[in-house]
Amino acid sequence: FSLNEVGPKVVYSKDLISSDSKIKPVYDTIPLVKLKEGEEIHLEAVAKVGYGKEHAKWMPTTVCAYKQYPEITFNDDVEIDYDCALACPRGVLKSDRRSKKIKIVEDFDGYMNSRNTWFTQKYSDNKNDLIAYFSAEYGLDEILPIYSGGLGILSGDHLKSSSDLGLPLVAVGLLYKNGYFHQKINNIGIQESEYYDIELDNLPITPVKRETGEDLIISVKMPNSRVYLKVWKIAVGRINLYLLDSDIEENSEEYRGITLRLYGGDQEMRIKQEIVLGMGGVNLLRTLGFNPSIYHMNEGHSSFLILEVMKNIIKEKKVSFEIARDIASSQTVFTTHTPVPAGNDIFPPWLVEKYLKGYWTKLGIDKETFLKLGTKPNDSMDAGFNMGILALKIAGKKNGVSKLHGAVSRELFGDVWPNIAANESPITHITNGIHTCSWLAPNLKQLYNKYLIPYWQDSIQIDETWKKIESIPNDKLWEEHMKRKIRLLELVKQNVTNNMRSNGKSYEEINEIVSKLNPNALTIGFARRFATYKRATLIFRDLERI
């Protein structure tokens, strides 16, 4: 497949495949890369990391992904746009005049192989340590919809930042082949949920293989039989994310659907998912030969990992439950995000007994003691087995996600430790952050390149880096901000128009709404999840102030 046009050429994802190909682009109108004559780009490299002009950085908004490519030949004289990224696992773009790796590939190699990272500089004595990070969802990019909201976005940003910092971290999650639901608003304004299959062949994800070449498959015990789980891997820069998949032939129909949908199904489906994530995840890491120093639970969905860690300690070290609990405590960290029930699964005792029957014997305790692990000290077992309480009672480190949230969590969960004052509960806080280069708009990045210190992306955690932000003229900053706002409102208008058209609304009805969106007005709204616990009505609490 050849592109032989005269003059500069921007390659779009739709240009990379022939019109009769069965492979379809994830995005067909996103500019991917511009090439100079005689330069080649290894798509496998930029599958994992996007690049800025100075250094390897994440640019996930310009991703397309394929498993197979023909060789693409360019005869025209074009230029590279380093602010664009590719996510194409296999293939090579070449010139037919000469072959030379371009800087983007060298940047990738340098990024991946660098030993001069923040972690190696600060913690050189901890080079053999390993953090095992567990989360029910990961928001890496919208082409892989295994996330629903902020929890997943945070998890994805944690992995990207860990890669940049050089942290010794491995991540575990579930592969939801239907992902999370796609939102549709019907003609009377009611939300409807739609699910679509994720086409794995079109994504930068690969099955993990045994030395024999066979797929790596692990298992966990369920009431009727074992559940077999295929293992997939996504390379997030230097960090590997392993995803467990129950949708394989070895399982019955009952169990194949466990990992089908994120947060789908009833309580019974949720406990199955969380057994797979927590217990299956620990077994996976052992199978892969990892020996984590720390297990980090991002919210309570993976808290069953604590039970599996304690069971393994008792079996291998021949110690009591109390000693195993203390050891597990020293190896676990728990981050709580929300106090509402939606963020803390609570299972009825009969359901826990059904799926974990006999597990207490492996821990050397009785059933009542086991079930009390998931309840507050003064609550009866009828209150249910709370995954958040299990993590709070055993994890050695507990944190909220902001200073205020830490204080609220200490008061809210104070009765987990009835012998101390609530405000002294052992819950600290670490303020949520973002992976800056994933979320910074390209036009603002260019503005920062002009006014901040060189290579500022490598030092975003240092206060000194941001001192020159004051040197950016107000009018320049506002101009770039307004460009983003106008683009956002155009997107909102288009989405609203398309949705209303599909519901049979007239031009007048559509215009009545979209014409009200004014870039010069303060616009407050909700994106996607209009959940009650987000307390939307607070927007109208002080109209005079707004």
Protein backbone atom coordinates (compact mmCIF):
# COMPACT_ATOMS: atom_id res chain seq x y z
CA PHE A 1 0.00 0.00 0.00
CA SER A 2 1.72 3.18 -1.17
CA LEU A 3 1.11 6.89 -0.71
CA ASN A 4 2.85 8.79 -3.50
CA GLU A 5 1.39 12.26 -3.38
CA VAL A 6 3.44 15.36 -4.01
CA GLY A 7 4.10 17.75 -1.12
CA PRO A 8 3.62 17.39 2.63
CA LYS A 9 1.46 14.48 3.67
CA VAL A 10 -0.21 13.90 7.03
CA VAL A 11 -0.94 10.23 7.61
CA TYR A 12 -4.37 9.45 9.00
CA SER A 13 -5.38 6.12 10.46
CA LYS A 14 -7.78 5.53 7.58
CA ASP A 15 -4.86 5.92 5.16
CA LEU A 16 -2.97 3.00 6.66
CA ILE A 17 -5.32 0.36 5.31
CA SER A 18 -6.74 -0.36 1.90
CA SER A 19 -10.43 0.21 1.31
CA ASP A 20 -11.15 -3.51 0.98
CA SER A 21 -9.24 -4.49 4.11
CA LYS A 22 -11.09 -6.25 6.92
CA ILE A 23 -9.08 -4.25 9.44
CA LYS A 24 -10.91 -1.07 10.37
CA PRO A 25 -9.38 1.96 12.08
CA VAL A 26 -10.34 2.76 15.63
CA TYR A 27 -10.20 6.42 14.70
CA ASP A 28 -10.26 7.32 11.03
CA THR A 29 -9.65 11.06 11.14
CA ILE A 30 -6.89 11.55 13.69
CA PRO A 31 -3.53 12.71 12.32
CA LEU A 32 -0.92 10.20 13.32
CA VAL A 33 2.51 11.26 12.12
CA LYS A 34 4.32 13.23 9.42
CA LEU A 35 7.46 11.72 7.92
CA LYS A 36 10.43 13.22 6.17
CA GLU A 37 11.65 11.51 3.06
CA GLY A 38 13.95 8.63 3.88
CA GLU A 39 12.90 8.13 7.49
CA GLU A 40 11.30 5.14 9.08
CA ILE A 41 9.25 4.75 12.22
CA HIS A 42 8.87 1.54 14.16
CA LEU A 43 5.23 1.38 15.11
CA GLU A 44 5.86 -1.06 17.94
CA ALA A 45 7.86 1.59 19.76
CA VAL A 46 5.22 4.27 19.73
CA ALA A 47 2.53 1.73 20.55
CA LYS A 48 3.35 2.30 24.18
CA VAL A 49 4.55 5.86 24.58
CA GLY A 50 3.65 9.10 22.84
CA TYR A 51 6.32 11.71 22.43
CA GLY A 52 6.70 15.44 22.88
CA LYS A 53 9.30 17.48 21.03
CA GLU A 54 11.89 17.19 23.80
CA HIS A 55 11.38 13.83 25.43
CA ALA A 56 9.30 10.69 25.59
CA LYS A 57 5.90 11.62 27.00
CA TRP A 58 2.40 10.28 26.88
CA MET A 59 0.01 11.61 24.25
CA PRO A 60 -2.79 9.04 24.42
CA THR A 61 -5.42 11.19 22.71
CA THR A 62 -3.99 10.42 19.28
CA VAL A 63 -4.03 6.67 19.43
CA CYS A 64 -4.93 4.18 16.76
CA ALA A 65 -4.23 0.49 17.10
CA TYR A 66 -3.84 -2.50 14.82
CA LYS A 67 -2.32 -5.93 14.96
CA GLN A 68 -1.22 -6.17 11.33
CA TYR A 69 0.03 -3.68 8.80
CA PRO A 70 1.34 -3.73 5.29
CA GLU A 71 4.59 -1.89 4.76
CA ILE A 72 3.84 1.75 4.04
CA THR A 73 6.09 3.50 1.51
CA PHE A 74 6.49 7.26 1.17
CA ASN A 75 8.09 9.01 -1.78
CA ASP A 76 7.02 12.50 -0.81
CA ASP A 77 9.00 14.98 1.26
CA VAL A 78 7.12 15.40 4.52
CA GLU A 79 7.97 16.38 8.08
CA ILE A 80 7.56 14.69 11.42
CA ASP A 81 5.05 16.03 13.91
CA TYR A 82 6.50 14.85 17.22
CA ASP A 83 3.37 15.88 19.12
CA CYS A 84 1.44 13.04 17.50
CA ALA A 85 1.54 9.50 18.79
CA LEU A 86 0.87 6.07 17.33
CA ALA A 87 -0.29 2.92 18.99
CA CYS A 88 0.32 0.35 16.29
CA PRO A 89 1.85 -2.81 17.72
CA ARG A 90 3.41 -4.11 14.55
CA GLY A 91 4.68 -2.67 11.31
CA VAL A 92 7.23 -0.29 9.87
CA LEU A 93 6.95 2.89 7.83
CA LYS A 94 9.85 3.27 5.41
CA SER A 95 11.16 5.41 2.59
CA ASP A 96 12.15 3.61 -0.56
CA ARG A 97 15.20 5.91 -0.93
CA ARG A 98 17.05 5.18 2.28
CA SER A 99 16.42 3.59 5.66
CA LYS A 100 17.15 5.46 8.88
CA LYS A 101 15.60 5.35 12.31
CA ILE A 102 14.07 8.64 13.31
CA LYS A 103 14.52 10.43 16.61
CA ILE A 104 11.22 9.20 17.95
CA VAL A 105 12.49 5.61 18.04
CA GLU A 106 15.73 6.66 19.71
CA ASP A 107 13.70 8.57 22.28
CA PHE A 108 11.65 5.47 22.95
CA ASP A 109 14.70 3.29 23.41
CA GLY A 110 16.26 5.88 25.70
CA TYR A 111 13.09 6.18 27.75
CA MET A 112 12.66 2.44 28.17
CA ASN A 113 16.30 1.66 28.92
CA SER A 114 17.17 4.65 31.09
CA ARG A 115 18.44 3.76 34.55
CA ASN A 116 18.60 7.37 35.64
CA THR A 117 15.04 7.65 36.90
CA TRP A 118 13.55 9.41 39.91
CA PHE A 119 13.26 6.10 41.75
CA THR A 120 16.82 4.95 41.09
CA GLN A 121 18.12 8.34 42.23
CA LYS A 122 16.05 8.48 45.41
CA TYR A 123 15.79 4.82 46.38
CA SER A 124 18.77 3.01 44.94
CA ASP A 125 18.77 0.60 47.88
CA ASN A 126 15.25 -0.56 47.02
CA LYS A 127 15.99 -1.80 43.51
CA ASN A 128 14.79 -5.31 44.38
CA ASP A 129 11.45 -4.18 45.79
CA LEU A 130 8.21 -4.55 43.84
CA ILE A 131 4.82 -2.88 44.21
CA ALA A 132 1.78 -4.93 43.12
CA TYR A 133 -1.00 -2.51 42.19
CA PHE A 134 -4.61 -3.78 42.08
CA SER A 135 -7.59 -1.92 40.66
CA ALA A 136 -10.97 -2.96 39.24
CA GLU A 137 -10.60 -0.48 36.38
CA TYR A 138 -7.90 1.27 34.36
CA GLY A 139 -8.40 4.37 32.23
CA LEU A 140 -5.43 4.29 29.86
CA ASP A 141 -7.21 5.48 26.74
CA GLU A 142 -10.75 5.46 25.39
CA ILE A 143 -9.94 2.74 22.85
CA LEU A 144 -9.79 0.33 25.80
CA PRO A 145 -12.98 1.07 27.79
CA ILE A 146 -12.21 -0.94 30.92
CA TYR A 147 -12.92 2.06 33.15
CA SER A 148 -16.03 3.94 34.23
CA GLY A 149 -14.85 7.14 35.83
CA GLY A 150 -12.40 8.79 38.16
CA LEU A 151 -11.16 5.63 39.87
CA GLY A 152 -10.08 4.16 36.55
CA ILE A 153 -8.57 7.41 35.30
CA LEU A 154 -6.53 7.64 38.49
CA SER A 155 -5.36 4.03 38.08
CA GLY A 156 -4.30 4.71 34.49
CA ASP A 157 -2.46 7.86 35.51
CA HIS A 158 -0.77 5.96 38.35
CA LEU A 159 0.66 3.50 35.83
CA LYS A 160 1.84 6.21 33.44
CA SER A 161 3.43 8.22 36.23
CA SER A 162 5.03 5.10 37.66
CA SER A 163 6.56 4.47 34.27
CA ASP A 164 7.95 8.01 34.07
CA LEU A 165 9.32 7.83 37.62
CA GLY A 166 10.82 4.39 37.12
CA LEU A 167 8.88 2.79 39.97
CA PRO A 168 9.21 -1.00 40.28
CA LEU A 169 5.50 -1.71 39.84
CA VAL A 170 3.32 -4.38 38.26
CA ALA A 171 -0.44 -3.91 37.85
CA VAL A 172 -3.35 -6.36 37.90
CA GLY A 173 -6.92 -5.93 36.65
CA LEU A 174 -9.71 -7.62 34.70
CA LEU A 175 -10.29 -7.66 30.94
CA TYR A 176 -13.91 -6.66 30.36
CA LYS A 177 -14.71 -7.59 26.76
CA ASN A 178 -17.89 -5.48 26.85
CA GLY A 179 -16.11 -2.75 28.80
CA TYR A 180 -18.34 -0.26 30.56
CA PHE A 181 -21.68 0.74 29.11
CA HIS A 182 -22.03 3.37 26.39
CA GLN A 183 -24.47 6.05 27.39
CA LYS A 184 -27.46 6.84 25.20
CA ILE A 185 -30.15 9.40 26.03
CA ASN A 186 -33.54 8.49 24.56
CA ASN A 187 -36.21 10.85 23.25
CA ILE A 188 -37.69 11.48 26.70
CA GLY A 189 -34.34 12.19 28.32
CA ILE A 190 -33.83 8.82 30.02
CA GLN A 191 -30.39 7.23 30.01
CA GLU A 192 -30.06 3.88 28.24
CA SER A 193 -27.07 1.56 28.44
CA GLU A 194 -25.51 -0.01 25.38
CA TYR A 195 -22.65 -2.51 25.31
CA TYR A 196 -20.27 -3.30 22.47
CA ASP A 197 -17.65 -5.99 22.13
CA ILE A 198 -14.05 -4.81 22.35
CA GLU A 199 -12.10 -5.97 19.30
CA LEU A 200 -8.91 -7.23 20.92
CA ASP A 201 -7.25 -7.85 17.56
CA ASN A 202 -7.25 -4.10 17.01
CA LEU A 203 -5.67 -3.19 20.34
CA PRO A 204 -2.08 -3.07 21.67
CA ILE A 205 -2.71 -6.01 24.01
CA THR A 206 -1.08 -9.42 23.84
CA PRO A 207 -1.77 -12.80 25.47
CA VAL A 208 0.86 -13.98 27.95
CA LYS A 209 2.47 -17.24 26.88
CA ARG A 210 4.12 -20.08 28.73
CA GLU A 211 7.58 -21.22 27.69
CA THR A 212 5.89 -23.93 25.62
CA GLY A 213 4.11 -21.26 23.57
CA GLU A 214 0.69 -22.01 25.04
CA ASP A 215 -1.51 -19.32 26.55
CA LEU A 216 -0.90 -18.77 30.25
CA ILE A 217 -4.04 -19.83 32.10
CA ILE A 218 -4.47 -19.74 35.87
CA SER A 219 -7.48 -20.67 37.99
CA VAL A 220 -9.40 -19.78 41.15
CA LYS A 221 -11.87 -21.88 43.10
CA MET A 222 -15.61 -21.21 42.87
CA PRO A 223 -18.50 -23.17 44.47
CA ASN A 224 -19.22 -25.50 41.55
CA SER A 225 -15.81 -25.77 39.90
CA ARG A 226 -12.63 -23.87 39.22
CA VAL A 227 -12.69 -20.77 37.02
CA TYR A 228 -9.94 -20.64 34.42
CA LEU A 229 -8.48 -17.28 33.51
CA LYS A 230 -6.49 -16.34 30.43
CA VAL A 231 -3.83 -13.71 31.04
CA TRP A 232 -3.30 -10.66 28.83
CA LYS A 233 -0.65 -7.95 29.04
CA ILE A 234 -0.55 -4.27 28.15
CA ALA A 235 2.80 -2.49 28.23
CA VAL A 236 2.23 0.95 29.76
CA GLY A 237 5.69 2.29 29.10
CA ARG A 238 7.96 0.53 31.59
CA ILE A 239 4.99 -0.84 33.53
CA ASN A 240 3.22 -4.11 32.70
CA LEU A 241 -0.52 -4.33 33.29
CA TYR A 242 -1.86 -7.90 33.48
CA LEU A 243 -5.56 -8.48 32.84
CA LEU A 244 -7.51 -11.64 33.70
CA ASP A 245 -10.11 -12.98 31.25
CA SER A 246 -12.72 -15.65 32.10
CA ASP A 247 -14.27 -15.73 28.61
CA ILE A 248 -12.50 -18.88 27.42
CA GLU A 249 -13.65 -22.36 26.36
CA GLU A 250 -12.42 -24.03 29.54
CA ASN A 251 -15.22 -22.35 31.52
CA SER A 252 -18.95 -22.99 31.68
CA GLU A 253 -21.32 -20.29 30.47
CA GLU A 254 -21.95 -19.35 34.11
CA TYR A 255 -18.31 -18.44 34.61
CA ARG A 256 -17.36 -17.17 31.15
CA GLY A 257 -19.31 -13.98 31.83
CA ILE A 258 -17.50 -13.06 35.06
CA THR A 259 -15.16 -10.61 33.35
CA LEU A 260 -17.60 -9.58 30.62
CA ARG A 261 -18.67 -6.19 31.97
CA LEU A 262 -17.25 -3.68 34.41
CA TYR A 263 -19.55 -3.28 37.43
CA GLY A 264 -22.19 -5.36 35.67
CA GLY A 265 -24.62 -7.82 37.20
CA ASP A 266 -25.88 -8.41 40.72
CA GLN A 267 -24.06 -8.92 44.02
CA GLU A 268 -23.26 -12.51 43.14
CA MET A 269 -21.53 -11.40 39.97
CA ARG A 270 -19.63 -8.74 41.90
CA ILE A 271 -18.28 -11.18 44.49
CA LYS A 272 -17.14 -13.50 41.70
CA GLN A 273 -15.37 -10.60 39.98
CA GLU A 274 -13.68 -9.56 43.20
CA ILE A 275 -12.52 -13.09 44.00
CA VAL A 276 -10.99 -13.26 40.53
CA LEU A 277 -9.35 -9.84 40.91
CA GLY A 278 -8.01 -10.23 44.46
CA MET A 279 -7.29 -13.93 44.88
CA GLY A 280 -6.74 -14.67 41.22
CA GLY A 281 -4.46 -11.65 40.95
CA VAL A 282 -2.23 -12.84 43.80
CA ASN A 283 -2.03 -16.31 42.22
CA LEU A 284 -1.14 -14.74 38.87
CA LEU A 285 1.80 -12.82 40.29
CA ARG A 286 3.10 -15.96 42.00
CA THR A 287 2.77 -17.87 38.72
CA LEU A 288 4.74 -15.18 36.92
CA GLY A 289 7.49 -15.44 39.54
CA PHE A 290 6.85 -12.07 41.19
CA ASN A 291 7.32 -11.64 44.93
CA PRO A 292 5.78 -8.23 45.74
CA SER A 293 7.08 -6.23 48.69
CA ILE A 294 3.81 -4.27 48.82
CA TYR A 295 0.26 -4.92 47.62
CA HIS A 296 -1.62 -1.68 46.91
CA MET A 297 -5.41 -1.90 46.80
CA ASN A 298 -6.94 1.00 44.90
CA GLU A 299 -10.38 0.94 46.57
CA GLY A 300 -11.91 -2.13 48.21
CA HIS A 301 -12.77 -4.23 45.14
CA SER A 302 -9.51 -6.17 45.41
CA SER A 303 -9.53 -6.62 49.21
CA PHE A 304 -9.84 -10.40 48.97
CA LEU A 305 -6.15 -10.35 48.07
CA ILE A 306 -5.50 -9.87 51.82
CA LEU A 307 -7.03 -13.27 52.54
CA GLU A 308 -4.95 -14.94 49.85
CA VAL A 309 -1.75 -13.28 51.09
CA MET A 310 -2.45 -14.45 54.65
CA LYS A 311 -3.26 -17.97 53.47
CA ASN A 312 0.04 -18.19 51.58
CA ILE A 313 1.99 -16.86 54.59
CA ILE A 314 0.41 -19.46 56.92
CA LYS A 315 1.10 -22.27 54.44
CA GLU A 316 4.70 -21.32 53.70
CA LYS A 317 5.90 -19.99 57.06
CA LYS A 318 3.88 -22.35 59.25
CA VAL A 319 2.69 -19.51 61.48
CA SER A 320 -0.56 -18.68 63.25
CA PHE A 321 -3.31 -16.49 61.85
CA GLU A 322 -2.32 -13.66 64.18
CA ILE A 323 1.27 -13.63 62.97
CA ALA A 324 0.19 -13.98 59.33
CA ARG A 325 -2.15 -11.04 59.84
CA ASP A 326 0.71 -8.90 61.17
CA ILE A 327 2.94 -9.86 58.24
CA ALA A 328 0.15 -9.17 55.72
CA SER A 329 -0.43 -5.82 57.39
CA SER A 330 3.19 -4.85 56.76
CA GLN A 331 2.77 -5.73 53.08
CA THR A 332 -0.52 -3.99 52.23
CA VAL A 333 -1.65 -0.45 51.45
CA PHE A 334 -5.28 0.62 50.98
CA THR A 335 -6.57 3.75 49.29
CA THR A 336 -10.21 4.61 50.03
CA HIS A 337 -11.95 6.97 47.63
CA THR A 338 -15.56 7.36 48.65
CA PRO A 339 -17.62 6.69 51.78
CA VAL A 340 -20.85 5.98 49.89
CA PRO A 341 -22.15 2.42 49.40
CA ALA A 342 -21.51 2.65 45.65
CA GLY A 343 -17.80 2.69 46.42
CA ASN A 344 -17.83 -0.03 49.08
CA ASP A 345 -19.21 -3.46 48.25
CA ILE A 346 -21.05 -5.07 51.16
CA PHE A 347 -21.93 -8.73 50.73
CA PRO A 348 -24.48 -10.64 52.85
CA PRO A 349 -22.87 -13.31 55.05
CA TRP A 350 -24.61 -16.18 53.22
CA LEU A 351 -23.07 -15.07 49.93
CA VAL A 352 -19.57 -14.83 51.42
CA GLU A 353 -20.02 -18.28 52.95
CA LYS A 354 -21.22 -19.69 49.63
CA TYR A 355 -18.15 -18.51 47.70
CA LEU A 356 -15.50 -18.76 50.43
CA LYS A 357 -16.80 -21.80 52.29
CA GLY A 358 -13.99 -23.48 54.19
CA TYR A 359 -11.54 -20.64 53.58
CA TRP A 360 -11.47 -19.89 57.30
CA THR A 361 -10.06 -23.36 57.90
CA LYS A 362 -7.07 -22.50 55.70
CA LEU A 363 -6.52 -19.42 57.89
CA GLY A 364 -6.80 -21.41 61.12
CA ILE A 365 -9.86 -19.54 62.40
CA ASP A 366 -13.58 -20.27 62.75
CA LYS A 367 -16.34 -19.02 60.47
CA GLU A 368 -17.54 -16.28 62.82
CA THR A 369 -14.04 -14.82 63.22
CA PHE A 370 -13.65 -14.94 59.45
CA LEU A 371 -16.91 -13.09 58.74
CA LYS A 372 -16.10 -10.49 61.42
CA LEU A 373 -13.04 -9.48 59.37
CA GLY A 374 -15.44 -7.57 57.14
CA THR A 375 -17.49 -5.85 59.86
CA LYS A 376 -16.92 -3.04 62.33
CA PRO A 377 -16.08 -4.29 65.84
CA ASN A 378 -19.44 -3.34 67.36
CA ASP A 379 -21.60 -4.40 64.40
CA SER A 380 -23.37 -7.72 64.07
CA MET A 381 -22.66 -9.96 61.10
CA ASP A 382 -26.06 -8.98 59.73
CA ALA A 383 -24.46 -5.67 58.69
CA GLY A 384 -22.74 -7.63 55.94
CA PHE A 385 -19.17 -8.27 54.87
CA ASN A 386 -17.75 -4.87 53.89
CA MET A 387 -14.76 -5.00 51.52
CA GLY A 388 -13.62 -1.55 52.62
CA ILE A 389 -13.71 -2.53 56.29
CA LEU A 390 -11.67 -5.68 55.55
CA ALA A 391 -8.96 -3.52 53.99
CA LEU A 392 -9.09 -0.87 56.72
CA LYS A 393 -8.75 -3.45 59.51
CA ILE A 394 -5.73 -5.26 58.08
CA ALA A 395 -3.82 -3.00 55.67
CA GLY A 396 -0.81 -1.43 57.35
CA LYS A 397 -1.24 1.89 55.54
CA LYS A 398 -4.59 3.54 54.84
CA ASN A 399 -5.13 6.81 53.02
CA GLY A 400 -7.81 9.08 51.67
CA VAL A 401 -7.29 11.08 48.48
CA SER A 402 -7.14 14.65 49.81
CA LYS A 403 -6.54 16.40 53.12
CA LEU A 404 -10.27 16.99 53.65
CA HIS A 405 -11.19 13.49 52.51
CA GLY A 406 -8.66 12.05 54.94
CA ALA A 407 -10.26 13.96 57.80
CA VAL A 408 -13.78 12.92 56.74
CA SER A 409 -12.68 9.28 56.41
CA ARG A 410 -11.16 9.30 59.90
CA GLU A 411 -14.48 10.44 61.36
CA LEU A 412 -16.59 8.20 59.15
CA PHE A 413 -14.62 5.03 59.84
CA GLY A 414 -13.65 5.93 63.41
CA ASP A 415 -15.67 3.08 64.90
CA VAL A 416 -13.41 0.58 63.15
CA TRP A 417 -11.02 1.48 66.00
CA PRO A 418 -13.39 2.03 68.96
CA ASN A 419 -10.61 2.39 71.51
CA ILE A 420 -9.21 5.62 70.06
CA ALA A 421 -10.70 9.00 69.20
CA ALA A 422 -12.23 9.11 65.74
CA ASN A 423 -10.02 11.99 64.60
CA GLU A 424 -6.97 9.89 65.48
CA SER A 425 -8.00 6.95 63.31
CA PRO A 426 -4.98 5.62 61.37
CA ILE A 427 -6.09 6.99 58.00
CA THR A 428 -3.78 9.52 56.42
CA HIS A 429 -4.13 11.27 53.06
CA ILE A 430 -2.29 11.54 49.76
CA THR A 431 -3.78 14.12 47.42
CA ASN A 432 -4.85 12.73 44.06
CA GLY A 433 -2.80 13.94 41.13
CA ILE A 434 -2.84 13.50 37.39
CA HIS A 435 -0.34 12.41 34.79
CA THR A 436 0.28 15.92 33.51
CA CYS A 437 1.38 15.13 29.98
CA SER A 438 -1.68 12.93 29.39
CA TRP A 439 -4.09 15.72 30.20
CA LEU A 440 -2.30 18.86 29.10
CA ALA A 441 -3.66 20.13 25.78
CA PRO A 442 -1.07 20.37 22.98
CA ASN A 443 -1.52 24.12 22.59
CA LEU A 444 -0.91 24.67 26.33
CA LYS A 445 2.08 22.36 26.21
CA GLN A 446 3.57 24.50 23.46
CA LEU A 447 2.94 27.58 25.59
CA TYR A 448 4.73 25.96 28.52
CA ASN A 449 7.61 24.94 26.25
CA LYS A 450 8.07 28.60 25.42
CA TYR A 451 7.96 30.05 28.93
CA LEU A 452 9.00 27.33 31.38
CA ILE A 453 12.41 25.79 31.94
CA PRO A 454 13.74 23.37 29.30
CA TYR A 455 12.56 19.78 29.80
CA TRP A 456 10.02 20.93 32.35
CA GLN A 457 8.09 17.68 31.86
CA ASP A 458 10.85 15.80 33.66
CA SER A 459 10.57 17.96 36.78
CA ILE A 460 6.86 18.61 37.25
CA GLN A 461 7.06 17.54 40.91
CA ILE A 462 9.53 20.34 41.73
CA ASP A 463 8.14 23.75 42.75
CA GLU A 464 10.97 25.52 40.94
CA THR A 465 9.66 24.21 37.63
CA TRP A 466 6.46 26.26 37.93
CA LYS A 467 7.88 29.59 39.05
CA LYS A 468 8.02 30.90 35.50
CA ILE A 469 4.31 30.23 35.00
CA GLU A 470 3.83 33.83 36.14
CA SER A 471 5.82 34.99 33.12
CA ILE A 472 3.14 33.79 30.69
CA PRO A 473 1.16 36.89 29.62
CA ASN A 474 -2.42 36.71 30.82
CA ASP A 475 -3.81 37.40 27.37
CA LYS A 476 -1.76 34.55 25.86
CA LEU A 477 -2.92 32.08 28.50
CA TRP A 478 -6.54 33.19 28.14
CA GLU A 479 -6.35 32.93 24.36
CA GLU A 480 -5.21 29.30 24.55
CA HIS A 481 -7.83 28.56 27.20
CA MET A 482 -10.58 29.94 24.98
CA LYS A 483 -9.41 27.79 22.07
CA ARG A 484 -9.95 24.75 24.25
CA LYS A 485 -13.33 25.97 25.46
CA ILE A 486 -14.57 26.68 21.95
CA ARG A 487 -13.45 23.23 20.84
CA LEU A 488 -15.22 21.62 23.80
CA LEU A 489 -18.47 23.44 23.10
CA GLU A 490 -18.28 22.44 19.44
CA LEU A 491 -17.96 18.82 20.54
CA VAL A 492 -20.91 19.18 22.92
CA LYS A 493 -23.03 20.78 20.20
CA GLN A 494 -22.20 18.00 17.77
CA ASN A 495 -22.96 15.26 20.27
CA VAL A 496 -26.23 16.86 21.34
CA THR A 497 -27.24 17.42 17.72
CA ASN A 498 -26.49 13.82 16.74
CA ASN A 499 -28.35 12.44 19.74
CA MET A 500 -31.41 14.63 19.22
CA ARG A 501 -31.52 13.82 15.51
CA SER A 502 -31.46 10.10 16.30
CA ASN A 503 -34.44 10.70 18.60
CA GLY A 504 -36.38 12.44 15.85
CA LYS A 505 -36.12 16.00 17.18
CA SER A 506 -36.69 18.90 14.81
CA TYR A 507 -34.14 21.51 13.76
CA GLU A 508 -35.93 24.10 15.88
CA GLU A 509 -35.78 21.92 18.99
CA ILE A 510 -32.09 21.20 18.45
CA ASN A 511 -31.23 24.83 17.80
CA GLU A 512 -33.12 25.91 20.91
CA ILE A 513 -30.55 24.02 22.98
CA VAL A 514 -27.26 24.28 21.11
CA SER A 515 -27.65 28.00 20.42
CA LYS A 516 -27.51 28.63 24.17
CA LEU A 517 -23.93 27.35 24.42
CA ASN A 518 -21.86 30.51 24.52
CA PRO A 519 -18.05 30.37 24.87
CA ASN A 520 -18.13 33.69 26.73
CA ALA A 521 -20.48 32.35 29.42
CA LEU A 522 -19.64 30.32 32.50
CA THR A 523 -20.90 26.84 31.63
CA ILE A 524 -21.31 24.18 34.31
CA GLY A 525 -22.38 20.67 33.48
CA PHE A 526 -21.98 16.97 34.13
CA ALA A 527 -20.20 14.60 31.79
CA ARG A 528 -21.68 11.14 31.53
CA ARG A 529 -22.33 10.03 35.12
CA PHE A 530 -25.13 12.01 36.77
CA ALA A 531 -24.98 9.88 39.93
CA THR A 532 -27.00 11.07 42.92
CA TYR A 533 -24.06 10.93 45.35
CA LYS A 534 -22.31 13.60 43.27
CA ARG A 535 -24.93 16.05 44.63
CA ALA A 536 -25.54 18.01 41.44
CA THR A 537 -28.05 20.31 43.14
CA LEU A 538 -25.21 21.96 45.05
CA ILE A 539 -24.60 23.92 41.85
CA PHE A 540 -27.80 25.86 42.57
CA ARG A 541 -27.23 26.32 46.27
CA ASP A 542 -25.68 29.78 45.97
CA LEU A 543 -26.76 31.27 42.65
CA GLU A 544 -25.69 34.76 43.66
CA ARG A 545 -22.14 33.57 44.18
CA ILE A 546 -22.11 31.83 40.79
